[in-house]
Amino acid sequence: MVNIRSLDPSASPLDYYGSELRRLREAAGLGQSQLGGIVFCTGSLIGQIETAKKVPTRDFSERIDAALMTGGFFTRLVGLVLRSQLPTWFQPYAEMEAKAAYISTYQSQLVYGLLQTPAYARAVLSVEHSDLLDEMVAARIERQRILERDRPPVLWVVLDEAALSREIGGREVMRAQLGHLLTFVNEPWVQIQVLPFKAGEHAAVMGSFTLLRFDSDPDLFYAESYDMGHMTANPEVMRERSVGYARLQATALSVEDSASLIARVMEERYGHGGVA
């Protein structure tokens, strides 16, 4: 039976997406199964998205735009929908991250979200979000689109060596993840340094943090705990953490030596003949 659950378009971006999909589908004189046949999915999936029970993907949105000739409406809207699937406490940071001109981050345990592969992100998120895993992975990958802009932000990542050694998702996932990091070697807007174990105590022993800089807005410091994020524009905090980050960059391996270490770990630890 066709699902005719009514939606309040103002309730959320997902509800708005669903109500507009239904409205434009009906305006085109198509049933759910008919539209599903055109965009290569089931009528049931169309119904689930129209009733906000399923989160649409970017690929689905592009196919819907082509089928209904909506001029890219759903492709533009899906970014907002996916961002709304992020944890509520994380959404303010994601919004500012998307506006930043310069992102500097130190990551003590994991690869930074903007550089994660889908498989690595799925393994990380499955620990706490198994019930909404597909949606959470899609939302994380959507964040990465800022690196594909004509004028992307400058991204500088200092990655603790622990993130290379911590096996997330299994050896194949880690091998692919480290290989993905190496694809940025010749990307001028993305710089990756590894802070080696031999550095010992360092300026960020208290944990991961990120500095966001903007063309016209105040700079921001961001760090997070188990279930919440802390973001501030306090000038003293920014001054202290900026100096700390500069010290981390000076202590870390050079970009070139970092790439060599990543490649070595990828082959020696996660290659087919690597350690178990």
C-alpha atoms as a PDB file:
ATOM      1  CA  MET A   1       0.000   0.000   0.000  1.00  0.00           C
ATOM      2  CA  VAL A   2       1.229   3.482  -0.811  1.00  0.00           C
ATOM      3  CA  ASN A   3       2.341   5.348   2.283  1.00  0.00           C
ATOM      4  CA  ILE A   4       0.371   8.600   2.559  1.00  0.00           C
ATOM      5  CA  ARG A   5       1.611   9.736   5.972  1.00  0.00           C
ATOM      6  CA  SER A   6       1.352  13.508   6.129  1.00  0.00           C
ATOM      7  CA  LEU A   7       4.432  15.570   6.876  1.00  0.00           C
ATOM      8  CA  ASP A   8       5.077  18.961   8.371  1.00  0.00           C
ATOM      9  CA  PRO A   9       7.582  20.427   5.873  1.00  0.00           C
ATOM     10  CA  SER A  10       8.872  22.809   8.522  1.00  0.00           C
ATOM     11  CA  ALA A  11       9.707  20.048  11.017  1.00  0.00           C
ATOM     12  CA  SER A  12      13.150  19.273   9.615  1.00  0.00           C
ATOM     13  CA  PRO A  13      15.167  19.345   6.379  1.00  0.00           C
ATOM     14  CA  LEU A  14      14.359  15.648   5.941  1.00  0.00           C
ATOM     15  CA  ASP A  15      10.611  16.312   6.249  1.00  0.00           C
ATOM     16  CA  TYR A  16      10.871  19.190   3.788  1.00  0.00           C
ATOM     17  CA  TYR A  17      12.743  16.995   1.321  1.00  0.00           C
ATOM     18  CA  GLY A  18      10.096  14.272   1.602  1.00  0.00           C
ATOM     19  CA  SER A  19       7.150  16.622   1.198  1.00  0.00           C
ATOM     20  CA  GLU A  20       8.703  18.274  -1.856  1.00  0.00           C
ATOM     21  CA  LEU A  21       9.520  14.913  -3.417  1.00  0.00           C
ATOM     22  CA  ARG A  22       5.897  13.837  -3.021  1.00  0.00           C
ATOM     23  CA  ARG A  23       4.555  17.150  -4.322  1.00  0.00           C
ATOM     24  CA  LEU A  24       6.736  17.191  -7.425  1.00  0.00           C
ATOM     25  CA  ARG A  25       6.226  13.486  -8.124  1.00  0.00           C
ATOM     26  CA  GLU A  26       2.467  13.913  -8.012  1.00  0.00           C
ATOM     27  CA  ALA A  27       2.700  17.060 -10.136  1.00  0.00           C
ATOM     28  CA  ALA A  28       4.505  14.955 -12.743  1.00  0.00           C
ATOM     29  CA  GLY A  29       1.678  12.409 -12.652  1.00  0.00           C
ATOM     30  CA  LEU A  30       3.894   9.578 -11.442  1.00  0.00           C
ATOM     31  CA  GLY A  31       3.240   6.908  -8.841  1.00  0.00           C
ATOM     32  CA  GLN A  32       5.937   5.878  -6.392  1.00  0.00           C
ATOM     33  CA  SER A  33       6.687   2.679  -8.309  1.00  0.00           C
ATOM     34  CA  GLN A  34       6.787   4.558 -11.609  1.00  0.00           C
ATOM     35  CA  LEU A  35       9.295   7.081 -10.309  1.00  0.00           C
ATOM     36  CA  GLY A  36      11.277   4.287  -8.685  1.00  0.00           C
ATOM     37  CA  GLY A  37      11.525   2.531 -12.035  1.00  0.00           C
ATOM     38  CA  ILE A  38      12.859   5.677 -13.665  1.00  0.00           C
ATOM     39  CA  VAL A  39      15.576   6.282 -11.044  1.00  0.00           C
ATOM     40  CA  PHE A  40      16.420   2.581 -10.572  1.00  0.00           C
ATOM     41  CA  CYS A  41      15.087   1.988  -7.072  1.00  0.00           C
ATOM     42  CA  THR A  42      11.948   0.524  -5.524  1.00  0.00           C
ATOM     43  CA  GLY A  43       8.684   2.353  -5.065  1.00  0.00           C
ATOM     44  CA  SER A  44       8.998   1.428  -1.409  1.00  0.00           C
ATOM     45  CA  LEU A  45      12.208   3.470  -1.133  1.00  0.00           C
ATOM     46  CA  ILE A  46      10.479   6.454  -2.737  1.00  0.00           C
ATOM     47  CA  GLY A  47       7.710   6.096  -0.166  1.00  0.00           C
ATOM     48  CA  GLN A  48      10.149   5.847   2.743  1.00  0.00           C
ATOM     49  CA  ILE A  49      11.936   9.018   1.659  1.00  0.00           C
ATOM     50  CA  GLU A  50       8.647  10.848   1.078  1.00  0.00           C
ATOM     51  CA  THR A  51       7.611  10.024   4.630  1.00  0.00           C
ATOM     52  CA  ALA A  52      10.994  10.933   6.161  1.00  0.00           C
ATOM     53  CA  LYS A  53      11.666   7.336   7.204  1.00  0.00           C
ATOM     54  CA  LYS A  54      14.763   7.062   5.020  1.00  0.00           C
ATOM     55  CA  VAL A  55      17.535   9.576   4.377  1.00  0.00           C
ATOM     56  CA  PRO A  56      18.227  10.240   0.681  1.00  0.00           C
ATOM     57  CA  THR A  57      21.731  10.009  -0.742  1.00  0.00           C
ATOM     58  CA  ARG A  58      23.391  12.515  -3.050  1.00  0.00           C
ATOM     59  CA  ASP A  59      23.294  10.013  -5.904  1.00  0.00           C
ATOM     60  CA  PHE A  60      19.556   9.465  -5.391  1.00  0.00           C
ATOM     61  CA  SER A  61      18.985  13.227  -5.348  1.00  0.00           C
ATOM     62  CA  GLU A  62      20.847  13.711  -8.620  1.00  0.00           C
ATOM     63  CA  ARG A  63      18.761  10.998 -10.279  1.00  0.00           C
ATOM     64  CA  ILE A  64      15.540  12.509  -8.939  1.00  0.00           C
ATOM     65  CA  ASP A  65      16.521  15.939 -10.276  1.00  0.00           C
ATOM     66  CA  ALA A  66      17.112  14.420 -13.707  1.00  0.00           C
ATOM     67  CA  ALA A  67      13.866  12.441 -13.660  1.00  0.00           C
ATOM     68  CA  LEU A  68      11.648  15.292 -12.468  1.00  0.00           C
ATOM     69  CA  MET A  69      13.654  18.044 -14.232  1.00  0.00           C
ATOM     70  CA  THR A  70      13.877  20.123 -11.066  1.00  0.00           C
ATOM     71  CA  GLY A  71      16.992  22.077 -12.010  1.00  0.00           C
ATOM     72  CA  GLY A  72      19.185  20.586  -9.266  1.00  0.00           C
ATOM     73  CA  PHE A  73      16.742  21.363  -6.429  1.00  0.00           C
ATOM     74  CA  PHE A  74      17.157  18.061  -4.577  1.00  0.00           C
ATOM     75  CA  THR A  75      20.908  17.953  -5.169  1.00  0.00           C
ATOM     76  CA  ARG A  76      21.192  21.322  -3.453  1.00  0.00           C
ATOM     77  CA  LEU A  77      18.829  20.328  -0.646  1.00  0.00           C
ATOM     78  CA  VAL A  78      20.427  16.981   0.179  1.00  0.00           C
ATOM     79  CA  GLY A  79      23.497  18.651   1.710  1.00  0.00           C
ATOM     80  CA  LEU A  80      21.298  20.289   4.325  1.00  0.00           C
ATOM     81  CA  VAL A  81      19.437  17.013   4.884  1.00  0.00           C
ATOM     82  CA  LEU A  82      22.638  15.042   5.442  1.00  0.00           C
ATOM     83  CA  ARG A  83      24.102  17.679   7.739  1.00  0.00           C
ATOM     84  CA  SER A  84      20.949  17.471   9.862  1.00  0.00           C
ATOM     85  CA  GLN A  85      21.771  13.789  10.476  1.00  0.00           C
ATOM     86  CA  LEU A  86      24.929  14.699  12.371  1.00  0.00           C
ATOM     87  CA  PRO A  87      24.677  14.666  16.185  1.00  0.00           C
ATOM     88  CA  THR A  88      22.974  17.850  17.359  1.00  0.00           C
ATOM     89  CA  TRP A  89      25.986  18.897  19.423  1.00  0.00           C
ATOM     90  CA  PHE A  90      28.281  18.494  16.379  1.00  0.00           C
ATOM     91  CA  GLN A  91      26.194  20.423  13.844  1.00  0.00           C
ATOM     92  CA  PRO A  92      27.398  23.928  14.864  1.00  0.00           C
ATOM     93  CA  TYR A  93      30.987  22.844  14.301  1.00  0.00           C
ATOM     94  CA  ALA A  94      30.169  21.270  10.915  1.00  0.00           C
ATOM     95  CA  GLU A  95      28.526  24.525   9.830  1.00  0.00           C
ATOM     96  CA  MET A  96      31.606  26.549  10.781  1.00  0.00           C
ATOM     97  CA  GLU A  97      33.977  23.983   9.263  1.00  0.00           C
ATOM     98  CA  ALA A  98      32.154  24.397   5.951  1.00  0.00           C
ATOM     99  CA  LYS A  99      32.765  28.167   6.065  1.00  0.00           C
ATOM    100  CA  ALA A 100      36.404  28.089   7.153  1.00  0.00           C
ATOM    101  CA  ALA A 101      39.201  29.344   4.928  1.00  0.00           C
ATOM    102  CA  TYR A 102      41.915  27.568   6.927  1.00  0.00           C
ATOM    103  CA  ILE A 103      41.576  24.425   9.058  1.00  0.00           C
ATOM    104  CA  SER A 104      44.383  23.306  11.360  1.00  0.00           C
ATOM    105  CA  THR A 105      43.790  20.108  13.312  1.00  0.00           C
ATOM    106  CA  TYR A 106      45.679  17.723  15.566  1.00  0.00           C
ATOM    107  CA  GLN A 107      44.233  14.216  15.805  1.00  0.00           C
ATOM    108  CA  SER A 108      45.520  11.922  18.524  1.00  0.00           C
ATOM    109  CA  GLN A 109      43.712   8.647  17.758  1.00  0.00           C
ATOM    110  CA  LEU A 110      41.856   8.743  14.446  1.00  0.00           C
ATOM    111  CA  VAL A 111      42.188  10.126  10.940  1.00  0.00           C
ATOM    112  CA  TYR A 112      40.423  13.488  10.637  1.00  0.00           C
ATOM    113  CA  GLY A 113      36.848  13.170   9.364  1.00  0.00           C
ATOM    114  CA  LEU A 114      37.493  15.155   6.171  1.00  0.00           C
ATOM    115  CA  LEU A 115      40.129  12.590   5.159  1.00  0.00           C
ATOM    116  CA  GLN A 116      38.352   9.365   6.126  1.00  0.00           C
ATOM    117  CA  THR A 117      37.341   6.751   3.567  1.00  0.00           C
ATOM    118  CA  PRO A 118      33.725   5.524   3.729  1.00  0.00           C
ATOM    119  CA  ALA A 119      34.838   2.119   5.051  1.00  0.00           C
ATOM    120  CA  TYR A 120      37.002   3.680   7.775  1.00  0.00           C
ATOM    121  CA  ALA A 121      34.215   6.089   8.728  1.00  0.00           C
ATOM    122  CA  ARG A 122      31.750   3.185   8.905  1.00  0.00           C
ATOM    123  CA  ALA A 123      34.025   1.264  11.256  1.00  0.00           C
ATOM    124  CA  VAL A 124      34.494   4.292  13.519  1.00  0.00           C
ATOM    125  CA  LEU A 125      30.816   5.229  13.604  1.00  0.00           C
ATOM    126  CA  SER A 126      29.555   1.668  14.081  1.00  0.00           C
ATOM    127  CA  VAL A 127      30.789   1.747  17.683  1.00  0.00           C
ATOM    128  CA  GLU A 128      28.145   4.297  18.761  1.00  0.00           C
ATOM    129  CA  HIS A 129      25.715   4.706  15.862  1.00  0.00           C
ATOM    130  CA  SER A 130      24.856   1.215  14.632  1.00  0.00           C
ATOM    131  CA  ASP A 131      21.140   2.082  14.342  1.00  0.00           C
ATOM    132  CA  LEU A 132      21.759   5.046  12.004  1.00  0.00           C
ATOM    133  CA  LEU A 133      25.007   3.910  10.446  1.00  0.00           C
ATOM    134  CA  ASP A 134      24.208   4.528   6.776  1.00  0.00           C
ATOM    135  CA  GLU A 135      22.952   8.033   7.545  1.00  0.00           C
ATOM    136  CA  MET A 136      25.947   8.898   9.716  1.00  0.00           C
ATOM    137  CA  VAL A 137      28.460   7.672   7.141  1.00  0.00           C
ATOM    138  CA  ALA A 138      26.695   9.618   4.387  1.00  0.00           C
ATOM    139  CA  ALA A 139      26.741  12.748   6.549  1.00  0.00           C
ATOM    140  CA  ARG A 140      30.473  12.384   7.230  1.00  0.00           C
ATOM    141  CA  ILE A 141      31.298  11.892   3.549  1.00  0.00           C
ATOM    142  CA  GLU A 142      29.118  14.895   2.701  1.00  0.00           C
ATOM    143  CA  ARG A 143      31.350  17.059   4.918  1.00  0.00           C
ATOM    144  CA  GLN A 144      34.276  16.200   2.675  1.00  0.00           C
ATOM    145  CA  ARG A 145      32.729  17.992  -0.303  1.00  0.00           C
ATOM    146  CA  ILE A 146      34.289  21.246   0.898  1.00  0.00           C
ATOM    147  CA  LEU A 147      37.631  19.885  -0.324  1.00  0.00           C
ATOM    148  CA  GLU A 148      36.209  19.627  -3.859  1.00  0.00           C
ATOM    149  CA  ARG A 149      35.339  23.299  -4.179  1.00  0.00           C
ATOM    150  CA  ASP A 150      36.984  25.525  -6.759  1.00  0.00           C
ATOM    151  CA  ARG A 151      38.495  27.368  -3.792  1.00  0.00           C
ATOM    152  CA  PRO A 152      38.756  24.769  -1.013  1.00  0.00           C
ATOM    153  CA  PRO A 153      39.912  25.593   2.509  1.00  0.00           C
ATOM    154  CA  VAL A 154      43.545  25.065   3.374  1.00  0.00           C
ATOM    155  CA  LEU A 155      43.646  21.912   5.505  1.00  0.00           C
ATOM    156  CA  TRP A 156      46.678  21.223   7.700  1.00  0.00           C
ATOM    157  CA  VAL A 157      46.560  17.967   9.653  1.00  0.00           C
ATOM    158  CA  VAL A 158      49.003  16.835  12.320  1.00  0.00           C
ATOM    159  CA  LEU A 159      48.236  13.173  12.816  1.00  0.00           C
ATOM    160  CA  ASP A 160      49.605  11.247  15.768  1.00  0.00           C
ATOM    161  CA  GLU A 161      51.446   8.082  14.758  1.00  0.00           C
ATOM    162  CA  ALA A 162      48.952   6.216  16.938  1.00  0.00           C
ATOM    163  CA  ALA A 163      46.290   6.835  14.288  1.00  0.00           C
ATOM    164  CA  LEU A 164      48.401   4.908  11.775  1.00  0.00           C
ATOM    165  CA  SER A 165      48.898   1.953  14.114  1.00  0.00           C
ATOM    166  CA  ARG A 166      45.379   1.719  15.522  1.00  0.00           C
ATOM    167  CA  GLU A 167      43.672  -0.886  13.318  1.00  0.00           C
ATOM    168  CA  ILE A 168      40.196   0.428  12.500  1.00  0.00           C
ATOM    169  CA  GLY A 169      37.923  -1.872  10.523  1.00  0.00           C
ATOM    170  CA  GLY A 170      40.600  -4.457   9.763  1.00  0.00           C
ATOM    171  CA  ARG A 171      43.795  -4.506   7.733  1.00  0.00           C
ATOM    172  CA  GLU A 172      42.214  -3.953   4.325  1.00  0.00           C
ATOM    173  CA  VAL A 173      40.280  -0.919   5.561  1.00  0.00           C
ATOM    174  CA  MET A 174      43.440   0.522   7.116  1.00  0.00           C
ATOM    175  CA  ARG A 175      45.515  -0.124   4.009  1.00  0.00           C
ATOM    176  CA  ALA A 176      42.947   1.693   1.886  1.00  0.00           C
ATOM    177  CA  GLN A 177      42.740   4.534   4.425  1.00  0.00           C
ATOM    178  CA  LEU A 178      46.492   5.105   4.493  1.00  0.00           C
ATOM    179  CA  GLY A 179      46.559   4.881   0.710  1.00  0.00           C
ATOM    180  CA  HIS A 180      43.884   7.561   0.633  1.00  0.00           C
ATOM    181  CA  LEU A 181      46.035   9.831   2.783  1.00  0.00           C
ATOM    182  CA  LEU A 182      48.853   9.449   0.260  1.00  0.00           C
ATOM    183  CA  THR A 183      46.613  10.713  -2.557  1.00  0.00           C
ATOM    184  CA  PHE A 184      46.915  14.179  -0.997  1.00  0.00           C
ATOM    185  CA  VAL A 185      50.703  14.298  -1.320  1.00  0.00           C
ATOM    186  CA  ASN A 186      50.556  16.538  -4.390  1.00  0.00           C
ATOM    187  CA  GLU A 187      47.494  18.487  -3.261  1.00  0.00           C
ATOM    188  CA  PRO A 188      48.687  22.013  -2.376  1.00  0.00           C
ATOM    189  CA  TRP A 189      45.699  22.779  -0.150  1.00  0.00           C
ATOM    190  CA  VAL A 190      46.066  19.679   2.045  1.00  0.00           C
ATOM    191  CA  GLN A 191      49.172  19.129   4.167  1.00  0.00           C
ATOM    192  CA  ILE A 192      49.600  16.076   6.404  1.00  0.00           C
ATOM    193  CA  GLN A 193      52.289  15.698   9.057  1.00  0.00           C
ATOM    194  CA  VAL A 194      52.770  12.745  11.390  1.00  0.00           C
ATOM    195  CA  LEU A 195      53.758  13.304  15.006  1.00  0.00           C
ATOM    196  CA  PRO A 196      55.983  10.281  15.721  1.00  0.00           C
ATOM    197  CA  PHE A 197      55.961   8.268  18.923  1.00  0.00           C
ATOM    198  CA  LYS A 198      59.557   9.288  19.546  1.00  0.00           C
ATOM    199  CA  ALA A 199      58.394  12.906  20.042  1.00  0.00           C
ATOM    200  CA  GLY A 200      57.395  11.903  23.577  1.00  0.00           C
ATOM    201  CA  GLU A 201      55.516  14.584  25.507  1.00  0.00           C
ATOM    202  CA  HIS A 202      54.201  17.342  23.259  1.00  0.00           C
ATOM    203  CA  ALA A 203      51.980  20.432  23.099  1.00  0.00           C
ATOM    204  CA  ALA A 204      48.756  18.441  22.671  1.00  0.00           C
ATOM    205  CA  VAL A 205      49.045  15.620  25.169  1.00  0.00           C
ATOM    206  CA  MET A 206      45.595  16.592  26.425  1.00  0.00           C
ATOM    207  CA  GLY A 207      43.998  15.455  23.162  1.00  0.00           C
ATOM    208  CA  SER A 208      42.723  16.382  19.707  1.00  0.00           C
ATOM    209  CA  PHE A 209      41.706  19.908  18.779  1.00  0.00           C
ATOM    210  CA  THR A 210      40.984  22.029  15.715  1.00  0.00           C
ATOM    211  CA  LEU A 211      41.520  25.686  14.836  1.00  0.00           C
ATOM    212  CA  LEU A 212      39.259  27.304  12.248  1.00  0.00           C
ATOM    213  CA  ARG A 213      40.192  30.553  10.546  1.00  0.00           C
ATOM    214  CA  PHE A 214      37.874  32.623   8.368  1.00  0.00           C
ATOM    215  CA  ASP A 215      38.158  35.371   5.802  1.00  0.00           C
ATOM    216  CA  SER A 216      36.052  37.809   7.809  1.00  0.00           C
ATOM    217  CA  ASP A 217      34.856  36.135  11.037  1.00  0.00           C
ATOM    218  CA  PRO A 218      36.696  35.576  14.353  1.00  0.00           C
ATOM    219  CA  ASP A 219      38.908  32.502  14.574  1.00  0.00           C
ATOM    220  CA  LEU A 220      37.545  29.511  16.490  1.00  0.00           C
ATOM    221  CA  PHE A 221      38.970  26.773  18.678  1.00  0.00           C
ATOM    222  CA  TYR A 222      37.144  23.435  18.805  1.00  0.00           C
ATOM    223  CA  ALA A 223      37.590  20.311  20.931  1.00  0.00           C
ATOM    224  CA  GLU A 224      35.191  17.582  21.940  1.00  0.00           C
ATOM    225  CA  SER A 225      34.571  15.177  24.762  1.00  0.00           C
ATOM    226  CA  TYR A 226      32.563  11.963  24.767  1.00  0.00           C
ATOM    227  CA  ASP A 227      29.171  13.461  23.925  1.00  0.00           C
ATOM    228  CA  MET A 228      29.647  17.172  23.367  1.00  0.00           C
ATOM    229  CA  GLY A 229      31.759  19.717  21.552  1.00  0.00           C
ATOM    230  CA  HIS A 230      33.322  22.893  22.891  1.00  0.00           C
ATOM    231  CA  MET A 231      33.814  25.833  20.511  1.00  0.00           C
ATOM    232  CA  THR A 232      35.110  29.263  21.478  1.00  0.00           C
ATOM    233  CA  ALA A 233      36.436  32.448  19.902  1.00  0.00           C
ATOM    234  CA  ASN A 234      38.152  33.560  23.116  1.00  0.00           C
ATOM    235  CA  PRO A 235      41.299  35.439  21.982  1.00  0.00           C
ATOM    236  CA  GLU A 236      43.428  34.057  24.803  1.00  0.00           C
ATOM    237  CA  VAL A 237      42.436  30.487  23.988  1.00  0.00           C
ATOM    238  CA  MET A 238      43.167  31.083  20.305  1.00  0.00           C
ATOM    239  CA  ARG A 239      46.554  32.610  21.120  1.00  0.00           C
ATOM    240  CA  GLU A 240      47.542  29.728  23.382  1.00  0.00           C
ATOM    241  CA  ARG A 241      46.356  26.985  21.047  1.00  0.00           C
ATOM    242  CA  SER A 242      47.843  28.646  17.961  1.00  0.00           C
ATOM    243  CA  VAL A 243      51.255  28.650  19.627  1.00  0.00           C
ATOM    244  CA  GLY A 244      50.683  25.046  20.702  1.00  0.00           C
ATOM    245  CA  TYR A 245      49.815  24.059  17.156  1.00  0.00           C
ATOM    246  CA  ALA A 246      52.924  25.761  15.778  1.00  0.00           C
ATOM    247  CA  ARG A 247      54.971  23.746  18.264  1.00  0.00           C
ATOM    248  CA  LEU A 248      53.268  20.551  17.096  1.00  0.00           C
ATOM    249  CA  GLN A 249      54.107  21.367  13.476  1.00  0.00           C
ATOM    250  CA  ALA A 250      57.727  21.972  14.430  1.00  0.00           C
ATOM    251  CA  THR A 251      57.923  18.689  16.358  1.00  0.00           C
ATOM    252  CA  ALA A 252      56.175  16.551  13.739  1.00  0.00           C
ATOM    253  CA  LEU A 253      57.890  14.962  10.760  1.00  0.00           C
ATOM    254  CA  SER A 254      58.078  17.012   7.586  1.00  0.00           C
ATOM    255  CA  VAL A 255      55.289  16.542   5.061  1.00  0.00           C
ATOM    256  CA  GLU A 256      57.649  14.472   2.886  1.00  0.00           C
ATOM    257  CA  ASP A 257      58.921  12.299   5.735  1.00  0.00           C
ATOM    258  CA  SER A 258      55.338  11.875   6.973  1.00  0.00           C
ATOM    259  CA  ALA A 259      54.274  10.522   3.586  1.00  0.00           C
ATOM    260  CA  SER A 260      57.192   8.085   3.671  1.00  0.00           C
ATOM    261  CA  LEU A 261      56.173   6.855   7.126  1.00  0.00           C
ATOM    262  CA  ILE A 262      52.534   6.452   6.079  1.00  0.00           C
ATOM    263  CA  ALA A 263      53.633   4.430   3.031  1.00  0.00           C
ATOM    264  CA  ARG A 264      55.936   2.275   5.142  1.00  0.00           C
ATOM    265  CA  VAL A 265      53.245   1.522   7.737  1.00  0.00           C
ATOM    266  CA  MET A 266      50.760   0.777   4.966  1.00  0.00           C
ATOM    267  CA  GLU A 267      53.070  -1.865   3.467  1.00  0.00           C
ATOM    268  CA  GLU A 268      54.721  -3.282   6.575  1.00  0.00           C
ATOM    269  CA  ARG A 269      51.716  -3.379   8.877  1.00  0.00           C
ATOM    270  CA  TYR A 270      48.760  -3.662   6.533  1.00  0.00           C
ATOM    271  CA  GLY A 271      50.262  -5.147   3.382  1.00  0.00           C
ATOM    272  CA  HIS A 272      49.580  -8.743   2.450  1.00  0.00           C
ATOM    273  CA  GLY A 273      52.816  -9.787   4.098  1.00  0.00           C
ATOM    274  CA  GLY A 274      52.416  -7.429   7.039  1.00  0.00           C
ATOM    275  CA  VAL A 275      52.263  -8.280  10.718  1.00  0.00           C
ATOM    276  CA  ALA A 276      49.074  -9.860  12.007  1.00  0.00           C
END
